[in-house]
Structures are given as C-alpha cells and as structure tokens.
Amino acid sequence: MTRSEGKVPWYGRLTEILMPLLGPADVGRQDDAPPPRTVREVECPLCHHPMSEHRLEQVGGKNRHYCPA
C-alpha cells in the first residue's frame, strides 16, 4: 500500500512507519527442522502413577480405567 493508491488505512500508515525501523518478521529458514516437542507424562488423578502404566478399555460404550496400583 502506497499513498499514491489513495487513502491508506491507519494500520497501513503504521506499517509504513514501523517497517523501516523494525523490518520484516524473523521466521527463520524454511528448511530448518522445528525444535523437538517435549512429551509431558500425564499422571492418574486417582493413584498418581503415569497414565502410560494404566490399561484403558471401552466396554459397551463406556470407558474402563484400570490402575496398576
């Protein structure tokens, strides 16, 4: 958007002012791999053991939760 095209909205004028000062967004290279995500182990609200130690079954449309403790 330039001023020669007509009236520029307020956010266009703000962009024209800030772009020379701040520059474009720094998003990194496209071929870089994203940082690894940390896997958070969820604990059981009943026995406080990790949920990966539990057995979950669906019987007749209802979920059953079997604690290892």
Protein backbone atom coordinates (compact mmCIF):
# COMPACT_ATOMS: atom_id res chain seq x y z
CA MET A 1 0.00 0.00 0.00
CA THR A 2 1.41 3.30 -1.00
CA ARG A 3 -0.01 6.75 -0.64
CA SER A 4 -0.35 7.10 -4.43
CA GLU A 5 -3.13 4.44 -4.41
CA GLY A 6 -5.44 6.68 -2.38
CA LYS A 7 -6.34 6.79 1.27
CA VAL A 8 -4.31 4.35 3.37
CA PRO A 9 -5.98 2.88 6.50
CA TRP A 10 -4.44 3.60 9.90
CA TYR A 11 -2.72 0.18 10.11
CA GLY A 12 -1.20 0.74 6.67
CA ARG A 13 0.28 4.04 7.80
CA LEU A 14 1.56 2.40 10.98
CA THR A 15 3.20 -0.34 8.89
CA GLU A 16 4.83 2.27 6.63
CA ILE A 17 6.33 3.94 9.70
CA LEU A 18 7.47 0.80 11.54
CA MET A 19 8.76 -1.31 8.63
CA PRO A 20 11.97 0.71 8.08
CA LEU A 21 12.65 0.66 11.82
CA LEU A 22 11.78 -2.94 12.70
CA GLY A 23 11.98 -4.78 9.38
CA PRO A 24 10.03 -7.91 8.43
CA ALA A 25 9.28 -10.78 10.79
CA ASP A 26 12.17 -13.09 11.67
CA VAL A 27 10.76 -16.53 10.97
CA GLY A 28 13.94 -18.47 10.25
CA ARG A 29 14.85 -20.63 7.28
CA GLN A 30 12.18 -22.85 5.77
CA ASP A 31 14.43 -25.91 5.52
CA ASP A 32 15.31 -25.87 9.24
CA ALA A 33 13.66 -28.58 11.31
CA PRO A 34 11.28 -27.37 14.02
CA PRO A 35 12.54 -27.69 17.60
CA PRO A 36 11.66 -31.01 19.26
CA ARG A 37 8.49 -31.01 21.33
CA THR A 38 8.72 -32.19 24.90
CA VAL A 39 6.38 -35.02 25.81
CA ARG A 40 4.72 -34.48 29.13
CA GLU A 41 3.68 -37.59 31.02
CA VAL A 42 0.17 -37.20 32.44
CA GLU A 43 -0.41 -38.72 35.84
CA CYS A 44 -3.51 -40.55 37.01
CA PRO A 45 -5.78 -38.42 39.23
CA LEU A 46 -6.52 -41.46 41.42
CA CYS A 47 -3.16 -43.15 42.07
CA HIS A 48 -0.69 -40.52 40.71
CA HIS A 49 1.16 -43.08 38.57
CA PRO A 50 1.87 -42.24 34.90
CA MET A 51 -1.10 -42.93 32.62
CA SER A 52 1.17 -44.99 30.34
CA GLU A 53 1.16 -47.68 33.07
CA HIS A 54 -2.65 -47.92 33.04
CA ARG A 55 -4.94 -50.04 30.93
CA LEU A 56 -7.89 -48.32 29.28
CA GLU A 57 -10.76 -50.29 27.75
CA GLN A 58 -14.01 -49.34 26.12
CA VAL A 59 -16.79 -51.78 27.02
CA GLY A 60 -20.33 -51.22 25.79
CA GLY A 61 -19.73 -47.53 25.03
CA LYS A 62 -18.27 -46.89 28.48
CA ASN A 63 -14.61 -46.36 29.31
CA ARG A 64 -12.91 -48.51 31.95
CA HIS A 65 -9.74 -47.37 33.66
CA TYR A 66 -7.53 -49.96 35.36
CA CYS A 67 -4.86 -48.65 37.75
CA PRO A 68 -1.63 -50.64 38.24
CA ALA A 69 -1.64 -49.98 41.99
